[in-house]
């Protein structure tokens, strides 16, 4: 990790914006899970898919990622990756079966 990335700074406004987006998604999904606990799984799956699409959850999460990524120094290392890319490269991302 670059020395310049060891300590980062966000404004309070940036932190609150990111936290509000995360709170919206997390609490909404939690409430949906509780509501659909005793209902058919297909209804829960449809509702969560509709929520993700209609409430633009991927765009909201991209905004959070942008806020959190902004303070980083994105200088590439010898491996042609920055610190963020290097840290997330091993994530087990979704793939079609």
PDB file of N, CA and C in Angstrom:
ATOM      1  N   UNK A   1       0.852  -1.170   0.000  1.00  0.00           N
ATOM      2  CA  UNK A   1       0.000   0.000   0.000  1.00  0.00           C
ATOM      3  C   UNK A   1       0.898   1.234   0.000  1.00  0.00           C
ATOM      4  N   UNK A   2       0.512   2.206  -0.817  1.00  0.00           N
ATOM      5  CA  UNK A   2       1.250   3.460  -0.844  1.00  0.00           C
ATOM      6  C   UNK A   2       1.151   4.153   0.505  1.00  0.00           C
ATOM      7  N   UNK A   3       2.221   4.779   0.907  1.00  0.00           N
ATOM      8  CA  UNK A   3       2.230   5.509   2.174  1.00  0.00           C
ATOM      9  C   UNK A   3       1.109   6.551   2.197  1.00  0.00           C
ATOM     10  N   UNK A   4       0.865   7.197   1.061  1.00  0.00           N
ATOM     11  CA  UNK A   4      -0.172   8.241   0.993  1.00  0.00           C
ATOM     12  C   UNK A   4      -1.578   7.677   1.187  1.00  0.00           C
ATOM     13  N   UNK A   5      -1.734   6.372   1.074  1.00  0.00           N
ATOM     14  CA  UNK A   5      -3.052   5.750   1.262  1.00  0.00           C
ATOM     15  C   UNK A   5      -3.245   5.163   2.659  1.00  0.00           C
ATOM     16  N   UNK A   6      -2.235   5.253   3.492  1.00  0.00           N
ATOM     17  CA  UNK A   6      -2.346   4.686   4.841  1.00  0.00           C
ATOM     18  C   UNK A   6      -3.315   5.469   5.715  1.00  0.00           C
ATOM     19  N   UNK A   7      -3.431   6.756   5.485  1.00  0.00           N
ATOM     20  CA  UNK A   7      -4.390   7.593   6.207  1.00  0.00           C
ATOM     21  C   UNK A   7      -5.136   8.426   5.179  1.00  0.00           C
ATOM     22  N   UNK A   8      -6.446   8.313   5.186  1.00  0.00           N
ATOM     23  CA  UNK A   8      -7.285   9.033   4.227  1.00  0.00           C
ATOM     24  C   UNK A   8      -8.224   9.959   4.976  1.00  0.00           C
ATOM     25  N   UNK A   9      -8.781  10.906   4.250  1.00  0.00           N
ATOM     26  CA  UNK A   9      -9.696  11.853   4.879  1.00  0.00           C
ATOM     27  C   UNK A   9     -10.928  12.052   4.006  1.00  0.00           C
ATOM     28  N   UNK A  10     -12.078  12.010   4.651  1.00  0.00           N
ATOM     29  CA  UNK A  10     -13.356  12.336   4.010  1.00  0.00           C
ATOM     30  C   UNK A  10     -13.949  13.514   4.762  1.00  0.00           C
ATOM     31  N   UNK A  11     -14.669  14.351   4.060  1.00  0.00           N
ATOM     32  CA  UNK A  11     -15.395  15.403   4.769  1.00  0.00           C
ATOM     33  C   UNK A  11     -16.582  14.759   5.480  1.00  0.00           C
ATOM     34  N   UNK A  12     -17.075  15.428   6.484  1.00  0.00           N
ATOM     35  CA  UNK A  12     -18.264  14.931   7.170  1.00  0.00           C
ATOM     36  C   UNK A  12     -19.429  14.789   6.218  1.00  0.00           C
ATOM     37  N   UNK A  13     -19.550  15.724   5.278  1.00  0.00           N
ATOM     38  CA  UNK A  13     -20.632  15.668   4.290  1.00  0.00           C
ATOM     39  C   UNK A  13     -20.510  14.426   3.419  1.00  0.00           C
ATOM     40  N   UNK A  14     -19.294  14.114   2.974  1.00  0.00           N
ATOM     41  CA  UNK A  14     -19.081  12.914   2.155  1.00  0.00           C
ATOM     42  C   UNK A  14     -19.417  11.652   2.948  1.00  0.00           C
ATOM     43  N   UNK A  15     -18.955  11.599   4.182  1.00  0.00           N
ATOM     44  CA  UNK A  15     -19.220  10.429   5.020  1.00  0.00           C
ATOM     45  C   UNK A  15     -20.713  10.255   5.249  1.00  0.00           C
ATOM     46  N   UNK A  16     -21.413  11.346   5.519  1.00  0.00           N
ATOM     47  CA  UNK A  16     -22.860  11.260   5.748  1.00  0.00           C
ATOM     48  C   UNK A  16     -23.605  10.831   4.491  1.00  0.00           C
ATOM     49  N   UNK A  17     -23.164  11.307   3.325  1.00  0.00           N
ATOM     50  CA  UNK A  17     -23.798  10.896   2.069  1.00  0.00           C
ATOM     51  C   UNK A  17     -23.634   9.392   1.858  1.00  0.00           C
ATOM     52  N   UNK A  18     -22.427   8.884   2.071  1.00  0.00           N
ATOM     53  CA  UNK A  18     -22.179   7.448   1.914  1.00  0.00           C
ATOM     54  C   UNK A  18     -22.982   6.647   2.930  1.00  0.00           C
ATOM     55  N   UNK A  19     -22.990   7.098   4.175  1.00  0.00           N
ATOM     56  CA  UNK A  19     -23.736   6.386   5.219  1.00  0.00           C
ATOM     57  C   UNK A  19     -25.235   6.378   4.941  1.00  0.00           C
ATOM     58  N   UNK A  20     -25.775   7.468   4.431  1.00  0.00           N
ATOM     59  CA  UNK A  20     -27.208   7.523   4.119  1.00  0.00           C
ATOM     60  C   UNK A  20     -27.564   6.513   3.032  1.00  0.00           C
ATOM     61  N   UNK A  21     -26.731   6.406   2.013  1.00  0.00           N
ATOM     62  CA  UNK A  21     -26.991   5.438   0.941  1.00  0.00           C
ATOM     63  C   UNK A  21     -26.925   4.011   1.478  1.00  0.00           C
ATOM     64  N   UNK A  22     -25.903   3.718   2.278  1.00  0.00           N
ATOM     65  CA  UNK A  22     -25.779   2.380   2.854  1.00  0.00           C
ATOM     66  C   UNK A  22     -26.942   2.063   3.781  1.00  0.00           C
ATOM     67  N   UNK A  23     -27.352   3.032   4.574  1.00  0.00           N
ATOM     68  CA  UNK A  23     -28.478   2.840   5.496  1.00  0.00           C
ATOM     69  C   UNK A  23     -29.758   2.531   4.722  1.00  0.00           C
ATOM     70  N   UNK A  24     -30.005   3.283   3.651  1.00  0.00           N
ATOM     71  CA  UNK A  24     -31.196   3.073   2.833  1.00  0.00           C
ATOM     72  C   UNK A  24     -31.246   1.638   2.310  1.00  0.00           C
ATOM     73  N   UNK A  25     -30.145   1.185   1.727  1.00  0.00           N
ATOM     74  CA  UNK A  25     -30.112  -0.156   1.139  1.00  0.00           C
ATOM     75  C   UNK A  25     -30.189  -1.225   2.227  1.00  0.00           C
ATOM     76  N   UNK A  26     -29.355  -1.121   3.235  1.00  0.00           N
ATOM     77  CA  UNK A  26     -29.283  -2.144   4.274  1.00  0.00           C
ATOM     78  C   UNK A  26     -30.588  -2.288   5.047  1.00  0.00           C
ATOM     79  N   UNK A  27     -31.140  -1.185   5.512  1.00  0.00           N
ATOM     80  CA  UNK A  27     -32.360  -1.252   6.318  1.00  0.00           C
ATOM     81  C   UNK A  27     -33.552  -1.665   5.462  1.00  0.00           C
ATOM     82  N   UNK A  28     -33.617  -1.185   4.228  1.00  0.00           N
ATOM     83  CA  UNK A  28     -34.712  -1.593   3.343  1.00  0.00           C
ATOM     84  C   UNK A  28     -34.683  -3.098   3.106  1.00  0.00           C
ATOM     85  N   UNK A  29     -33.502  -3.642   2.802  1.00  0.00           N
ATOM     86  CA  UNK A  29     -33.398  -5.086   2.576  1.00  0.00           C
ATOM     87  C   UNK A  29     -33.705  -5.871   3.847  1.00  0.00           C
ATOM     88  N   UNK A  30     -33.277  -5.360   4.985  1.00  0.00           N
ATOM     89  CA  UNK A  30     -33.585  -6.018   6.257  1.00  0.00           C
ATOM     90  C   UNK A  30     -35.102  -6.051   6.493  1.00  0.00           C
ATOM     91  N   UNK A  31     -35.769  -4.921   6.255  1.00  0.00           N
ATOM     92  CA  UNK A  31     -37.224  -4.863   6.444  1.00  0.00           C
ATOM     93  C   UNK A  31     -37.940  -5.792   5.473  1.00  0.00           C
ATOM     94  N   UNK A  32     -37.426  -5.868   4.237  1.00  0.00           N
ATOM     95  CA  UNK A  32     -38.035  -6.772   3.264  1.00  0.00           C
ATOM     96  C   UNK A  32     -37.871  -8.219   3.712  1.00  0.00           C
ATOM     97  N   UNK A  33     -36.687  -8.557   4.197  1.00  0.00           N
ATOM     98  CA  UNK A  33     -36.447  -9.914   4.681  1.00  0.00           C
ATOM     99  C   UNK A  33     -37.384 -10.279   5.817  1.00  0.00           C
ATOM    100  N   UNK A  34     -37.599  -9.341   6.734  1.00  0.00           N
ATOM    101  CA  UNK A  34     -38.507  -9.595   7.860  1.00  0.00           C
ATOM    102  C   UNK A  34     -39.948  -9.723   7.372  1.00  0.00           C
ATOM    103  N   UNK A  35     -40.352  -8.861   6.458  1.00  0.00           N
ATOM    104  CA  UNK A  35     -41.723  -8.883   5.953  1.00  0.00           C
ATOM    105  C   UNK A  35     -42.016 -10.189   5.219  1.00  0.00           C
ATOM    106  N   UNK A  36     -41.068 -10.652   4.428  1.00  0.00           N
ATOM    107  CA  UNK A  36     -41.292 -11.842   3.599  1.00  0.00           C
ATOM    108  C   UNK A  36     -40.871 -13.144   4.285  1.00  0.00           C
ATOM    109  N   UNK A  37     -40.539 -13.085   5.558  1.00  0.00           N
ATOM    110  CA  UNK A  37     -40.062 -14.274   6.278  1.00  0.00           C
ATOM    111  C   UNK A  37     -41.015 -15.460   6.137  1.00  0.00           C
ATOM    112  N   UNK A  38     -42.312 -15.220   6.282  1.00  0.00           N
ATOM    113  CA  UNK A  38     -43.300 -16.301   6.244  1.00  0.00           C
ATOM    114  C   UNK A  38     -44.084 -16.334   4.936  1.00  0.00           C
ATOM    115  N   UNK A  39     -43.546 -15.701   3.916  1.00  0.00           N
ATOM    116  CA  UNK A  39     -44.227 -15.650   2.621  1.00  0.00           C
ATOM    117  C   UNK A  39     -43.425 -16.466   1.600  1.00  0.00           C
ATOM    118  N   UNK A  40     -44.018 -16.746   0.460  1.00  0.00           N
ATOM    119  CA  UNK A  40     -43.313 -17.544  -0.554  1.00  0.00           C
ATOM    120  C   UNK A  40     -41.983 -16.899  -0.982  1.00  0.00           C
ATOM    121  N   UNK A  41     -40.979 -17.729  -1.149  1.00  0.00           N
ATOM    122  CA  UNK A  41     -39.652 -17.259  -1.541  1.00  0.00           C
ATOM    123  C   UNK A  41     -39.712 -16.501  -2.864  1.00  0.00           C
ATOM    124  N   UNK A  42     -40.543 -16.961  -3.786  1.00  0.00           N
ATOM    125  CA  UNK A  42     -40.650 -16.289  -5.086  1.00  0.00           C
ATOM    126  C   UNK A  42     -41.115 -14.842  -4.921  1.00  0.00           C
ATOM    127  N   UNK A  43     -42.017 -14.585  -3.970  1.00  0.00           N
ATOM    128  CA  UNK A  43     -42.477 -13.212  -3.717  1.00  0.00           C
ATOM    129  C   UNK A  43     -41.330 -12.353  -3.190  1.00  0.00           C
ATOM    130  N   UNK A  44     -40.547 -12.916  -2.279  1.00  0.00           N
ATOM    131  CA  UNK A  44     -39.387 -12.210  -1.722  1.00  0.00           C
ATOM    132  C   UNK A  44     -38.368 -11.909  -2.822  1.00  0.00           C
ATOM    133  N   UNK A  45     -38.108 -12.889  -3.657  1.00  0.00           N
ATOM    134  CA  UNK A  45     -37.144 -12.695  -4.739  1.00  0.00           C
ATOM    135  C   UNK A  45     -37.614 -11.625  -5.715  1.00  0.00           C
ATOM    136  N   UNK A  46     -38.881 -11.639  -6.040  1.00  0.00           N
ATOM    137  CA  UNK A  46     -39.436 -10.636  -6.946  1.00  0.00           C
ATOM    138  C   UNK A  46     -39.355  -9.246  -6.320  1.00  0.00           C
ATOM    139  N   UNK A  47     -39.709  -9.150  -5.037  1.00  0.00           N
ATOM    140  CA  UNK A  47     -39.694  -7.858  -4.347  1.00  0.00           C
ATOM    141  C   UNK A  47     -38.275  -7.297  -4.238  1.00  0.00           C
ATOM    142  N   UNK A  48     -37.316  -8.148  -3.921  1.00  0.00           N
ATOM    143  CA  UNK A  48     -35.946  -7.643  -3.804  1.00  0.00           C
ATOM    144  C   UNK A  48     -35.388  -7.233  -5.164  1.00  0.00           C
ATOM    145  N   UNK A  49     -35.695  -8.004  -6.191  1.00  0.00           N
ATOM    146  CA  UNK A  49     -35.261  -7.630  -7.538  1.00  0.00           C
ATOM    147  C   UNK A  49     -35.880  -6.305  -7.950  1.00  0.00           C
ATOM    148  N   UNK A  50     -37.181  -6.149  -7.708  1.00  0.00           N
ATOM    149  CA  UNK A  50     -37.850  -4.887  -8.033  1.00  0.00           C
ATOM    150  C   UNK A  50     -37.250  -3.727  -7.243  1.00  0.00           C
ATOM    151  N   UNK A  51     -36.963  -3.955  -5.966  1.00  0.00           N
ATOM    152  CA  UNK A  51     -36.361  -2.914  -5.136  1.00  0.00           C
ATOM    153  C   UNK A  51     -35.001  -2.498  -5.699  1.00  0.00           C
ATOM    154  N   UNK A  52     -34.164  -3.470  -6.013  1.00  0.00           N
ATOM    155  CA  UNK A  52     -32.833  -3.176  -6.550  1.00  0.00           C
ATOM    156  C   UNK A  52     -32.944  -2.379  -7.841  1.00  0.00           C
ATOM    157  N   UNK A  53     -33.855  -2.778  -8.710  1.00  0.00           N
ATOM    158  CA  UNK A  53     -34.025  -2.079  -9.987  1.00  0.00           C
ATOM    159  C   UNK A  53     -34.689  -0.716  -9.816  1.00  0.00           C
ATOM    160  N   UNK A  54     -35.817  -0.671  -9.128  1.00  0.00           N
ATOM    161  CA  UNK A  54     -36.603   0.563  -9.027  1.00  0.00           C
ATOM    162  C   UNK A  54     -35.946   1.635  -8.167  1.00  0.00           C
ATOM    163  N   UNK A  55     -35.193   1.225  -7.169  1.00  0.00           N
ATOM    164  CA  UNK A  55     -34.536   2.188  -6.276  1.00  0.00           C
ATOM    165  C   UNK A  55     -33.073   2.434  -6.663  1.00  0.00           C
ATOM    166  N   UNK A  56     -32.700   1.937  -7.831  1.00  0.00           N
ATOM    167  CA  UNK A  56     -31.363   2.174  -8.383  1.00  0.00           C
ATOM    168  C   UNK A  56     -30.253   1.835  -7.381  1.00  0.00           C
ATOM    169  N   UNK A  57     -30.356   0.650  -6.802  1.00  0.00           N
ATOM    170  CA  UNK A  57     -29.407   0.241  -5.767  1.00  0.00           C
ATOM    171  C   UNK A  57     -27.983   0.160  -6.311  1.00  0.00           C
ATOM    172  N   UNK A  58     -27.808  -0.329  -7.524  1.00  0.00           N
ATOM    173  CA  UNK A  58     -26.440  -0.413  -8.047  1.00  0.00           C
ATOM    174  C   UNK A  58     -25.835   0.977  -8.218  1.00  0.00           C
ATOM    175  N   UNK A  59     -26.640   1.949  -8.645  1.00  0.00           N
ATOM    176  CA  UNK A  59     -26.137   3.319  -8.779  1.00  0.00           C
ATOM    177  C   UNK A  59     -25.818   3.914  -7.410  1.00  0.00           C
ATOM    178  N   UNK A  60     -26.647   3.613  -6.415  1.00  0.00           N
ATOM    179  CA  UNK A  60     -26.397   4.106  -5.054  1.00  0.00           C
ATOM    180  C   UNK A  60     -25.088   3.534  -4.506  1.00  0.00           C
ATOM    181  N   UNK A  61     -24.876   2.241  -4.716  1.00  0.00           N
ATOM    182  CA  UNK A  61     -23.643   1.617  -4.240  1.00  0.00           C
ATOM    183  C   UNK A  61     -22.430   2.137  -5.011  1.00  0.00           C
ATOM    184  N   UNK A  62     -22.605   2.410  -6.291  1.00  0.00           N
ATOM    185  CA  UNK A  62     -21.513   2.999  -7.073  1.00  0.00           C
ATOM    186  C   UNK A  62     -21.154   4.382  -6.530  1.00  0.00           C
ATOM    187  N   UNK A  63     -22.148   5.138  -6.093  1.00  0.00           N
ATOM    188  CA  UNK A  63     -21.900   6.456  -5.496  1.00  0.00           C
ATOM    189  C   UNK A  63     -21.078   6.306  -4.212  1.00  0.00           C
ATOM    190  N   UNK A  64     -21.426   5.322  -3.391  1.00  0.00           N
ATOM    191  CA  UNK A  64     -20.661   5.073  -2.161  1.00  0.00           C
ATOM    192  C   UNK A  64     -19.222   4.697  -2.513  1.00  0.00           C
ATOM    193  N   UNK A  65     -19.064   3.825  -3.485  1.00  0.00           N
ATOM    194  CA  UNK A  65     -17.713   3.427  -3.902  1.00  0.00           C
ATOM    195  C   UNK A  65     -16.921   4.637  -4.396  1.00  0.00           C
ATOM    196  N   UNK A  66     -17.567   5.508  -5.155  1.00  0.00           N
ATOM    197  CA  UNK A  66     -16.901   6.705  -5.664  1.00  0.00           C
ATOM    198  C   UNK A  66     -16.452   7.616  -4.514  1.00  0.00           C
ATOM    199  N   UNK A  67     -17.333   7.802  -3.527  1.00  0.00           N
ATOM    200  CA  UNK A  67     -16.998   8.639  -2.365  1.00  0.00           C
ATOM    201  C   UNK A  67     -15.805   8.061  -1.615  1.00  0.00           C
ATOM    202  N   UNK A  68     -15.834   6.750  -1.383  1.00  0.00           N
ATOM    203  CA  UNK A  68     -14.761   6.115  -0.616  1.00  0.00           C
ATOM    204  C   UNK A  68     -13.458   6.010  -1.407  1.00  0.00           C
ATOM    205  N   UNK A  69     -13.547   5.927  -2.724  1.00  0.00           N
ATOM    206  CA  UNK A  69     -12.356   5.787  -3.566  1.00  0.00           C
ATOM    207  C   UNK A  69     -11.660   7.116  -3.829  1.00  0.00           C
ATOM    208  N   UNK A  70     -12.424   8.188  -3.802  1.00  0.00           N
ATOM    209  CA  UNK A  70     -11.904   9.502  -4.190  1.00  0.00           C
ATOM    210  C   UNK A  70     -10.629   9.919  -3.450  1.00  0.00           C
ATOM    211  N   UNK A  71     -10.543   9.732  -2.134  1.00  0.00           N
ATOM    212  CA  UNK A  71      -9.348  10.210  -1.425  1.00  0.00           C
ATOM    213  C   UNK A  71      -8.072   9.397  -1.690  1.00  0.00           C
ATOM    214  N   UNK A  72      -8.188   8.241  -2.308  1.00  0.00           N
ATOM    215  CA  UNK A  72      -7.019   7.395  -2.545  1.00  0.00           C
ATOM    216  C   UNK A  72      -6.108   7.988  -3.615  1.00  0.00           C
ATOM    217  N   UNK A  73      -4.830   7.733  -3.467  1.00  0.00           N
ATOM    218  CA  UNK A  73      -3.849   7.992  -4.513  1.00  0.00           C
ATOM    219  C   UNK A  73      -3.948   6.782  -5.447  1.00  0.00           C
ATOM    220  N   UNK A  74      -4.268   7.013  -6.701  1.00  0.00           N
ATOM    221  CA  UNK A  74      -4.503   5.921  -7.650  1.00  0.00           C
ATOM    222  C   UNK A  74      -3.271   5.600  -8.502  1.00  0.00           C
ATOM    223  N   UNK A  75      -2.100   5.953  -8.001  1.00  0.00           N
ATOM    224  CA  UNK A  75      -0.861   5.639  -8.702  1.00  0.00           C
ATOM    225  C   UNK A  75      -0.729   4.121  -8.850  1.00  0.00           C
ATOM    226  N   UNK A  76      -0.366   3.693 -10.048  1.00  0.00           N
ATOM    227  CA  UNK A  76      -0.213   2.264 -10.310  1.00  0.00           C
ATOM    228  C   UNK A  76       1.123   1.764  -9.783  1.00  0.00           C
ATOM    229  N   UNK A  77       1.089   0.541  -9.262  1.00  0.00           N
ATOM    230  CA  UNK A  77       2.310  -0.098  -8.792  1.00  0.00           C
ATOM    231  C   UNK A  77       2.977  -0.876  -9.905  1.00  0.00           C
ATOM    232  N   UNK A  78       4.002  -1.646  -9.543  1.00  0.00           N
ATOM    233  CA  UNK A  78       4.726  -2.455 -10.529  1.00  0.00           C
ATOM    234  C   UNK A  78       3.828  -3.489 -11.195  1.00  0.00           C
ATOM    235  N   UNK A  79       2.728  -3.838 -10.530  1.00  0.00           N
ATOM    236  CA  UNK A  79       1.778  -4.810 -11.077  1.00  0.00           C
ATOM    237  C   UNK A  79       0.697  -4.153 -11.931  1.00  0.00           C
ATOM    238  N   UNK A  80       0.863  -2.864 -12.237  1.00  0.00           N
ATOM    239  CA  UNK A  80      -0.105  -2.091 -13.026  1.00  0.00           C
ATOM    240  C   UNK A  80      -1.475  -2.003 -12.365  1.00  0.00           C
ATOM    241  N   UNK A  81      -1.512  -2.087 -11.036  1.00  0.00           N
ATOM    242  CA  UNK A  81      -2.754  -1.926 -10.285  1.00  0.00           C
ATOM    243  C   UNK A  81      -2.539  -0.875  -9.211  1.00  0.00           C
ATOM    244  N   UNK A  82      -3.640  -0.183  -8.867  1.00  0.00           N
ATOM    245  CA  UNK A  82      -3.558   0.718  -7.721  1.00  0.00           C
ATOM    246  C   UNK A  82      -3.924  -0.073  -6.467  1.00  0.00           C
ATOM    247  N   UNK A  83      -3.849   0.579  -5.305  1.00  0.00           N
ATOM    248  CA  UNK A  83      -4.090  -0.130  -4.041  1.00  0.00           C
ATOM    249  C   UNK A  83      -5.494  -0.720  -3.956  1.00  0.00           C
ATOM    250  N   UNK A  84      -6.480  -0.019  -4.478  1.00  0.00           N
ATOM    251  CA  UNK A  84      -7.859  -0.530  -4.424  1.00  0.00           C
ATOM    252  C   UNK A  84      -7.988  -1.777  -5.293  1.00  0.00           C
ATOM    253  N   UNK A  85      -7.511  -1.684  -6.533  1.00  0.00           N
ATOM    254  CA  UNK A  85      -7.586  -2.842  -7.436  1.00  0.00           C
ATOM    255  C   UNK A  85      -6.888  -4.055  -6.828  1.00  0.00           C
ATOM    256  N   UNK A  86      -5.728  -3.824  -6.251  1.00  0.00           N
ATOM    257  CA  UNK A  86      -4.959  -4.909  -5.655  1.00  0.00           C
ATOM    258  C   UNK A  86      -5.720  -5.543  -4.491  1.00  0.00           C
ATOM    259  N   UNK A  87      -6.373  -4.719  -3.692  1.00  0.00           N
ATOM    260  CA  UNK A  87      -7.086  -5.224  -2.512  1.00  0.00           C
ATOM    261  C   UNK A  87      -8.325  -6.045  -2.886  1.00  0.00           C
ATOM    262  N   UNK A  88      -9.007  -5.665  -3.953  1.00  0.00           N
ATOM    263  CA  UNK A  88     -10.265  -6.340  -4.307  1.00  0.00           C
ATOM    264  C   UNK A  88     -10.097  -7.420  -5.373  1.00  0.00           C
ATOM    265  N   UNK A  89      -8.901  -7.598  -5.879  1.00  0.00           N
ATOM    266  CA  UNK A  89      -8.713  -8.542  -6.986  1.00  0.00           C
ATOM    267  C   UNK A  89      -9.108  -9.972  -6.648  1.00  0.00           C
ATOM    268  N   UNK A  90      -9.060 -10.367  -5.396  1.00  0.00           N
ATOM    269  CA  UNK A  90      -9.373 -11.741  -5.025  1.00  0.00           C
ATOM    270  C   UNK A  90     -10.816 -11.976  -4.616  1.00  0.00           C
ATOM    271  N   UNK A  91     -11.670 -10.969  -4.744  1.00  0.00           N
ATOM    272  CA  UNK A  91     -13.071 -11.154  -4.358  1.00  0.00           C
ATOM    273  C   UNK A  91     -13.726 -12.226  -5.218  1.00  0.00           C
ATOM    274  N   UNK A  92     -14.542 -13.036  -4.597  1.00  0.00           N
ATOM    275  CA  UNK A  92     -15.265 -14.088  -5.307  1.00  0.00           C
ATOM    276  C   UNK A  92     -16.575 -13.491  -5.817  1.00  0.00           C
ATOM    277  N   UNK A  93     -16.526 -12.882  -6.994  1.00  0.00           N
ATOM    278  CA  UNK A  93     -17.679 -12.193  -7.565  1.00  0.00           C
ATOM    279  C   UNK A  93     -18.661 -13.178  -8.183  1.00  0.00           C
ATOM    280  N   UNK A  94     -19.907 -12.752  -8.290  1.00  0.00           N
ATOM    281  CA  UNK A  94     -20.955 -13.576  -8.884  1.00  0.00           C
ATOM    282  C   UNK A  94     -20.592 -13.919 -10.325  1.00  0.00           C
ATOM    283  N   UNK A  95     -20.900 -15.149 -10.692  1.00  0.00           N
ATOM    284  CA  UNK A  95     -20.743 -15.623 -12.068  1.00  0.00           C
ATOM    285  C   UNK A  95     -21.947 -16.474 -12.411  1.00  0.00           C
ATOM    286  N   UNK A  96     -22.350 -16.476 -13.662  1.00  0.00           N
ATOM    287  CA  UNK A  96     -23.456 -17.367 -14.035  1.00  0.00           C
ATOM    288  C   UNK A  96     -23.038 -18.817 -13.821  1.00  0.00           C
ATOM    289  N   UNK A  97     -24.012 -19.608 -13.458  1.00  0.00           N
ATOM    290  CA  UNK A  97     -23.720 -21.031 -13.200  1.00  0.00           C
ATOM    291  C   UNK A  97     -23.561 -21.801 -14.479  1.00  0.00           C
TER     292      UNK A  97
END
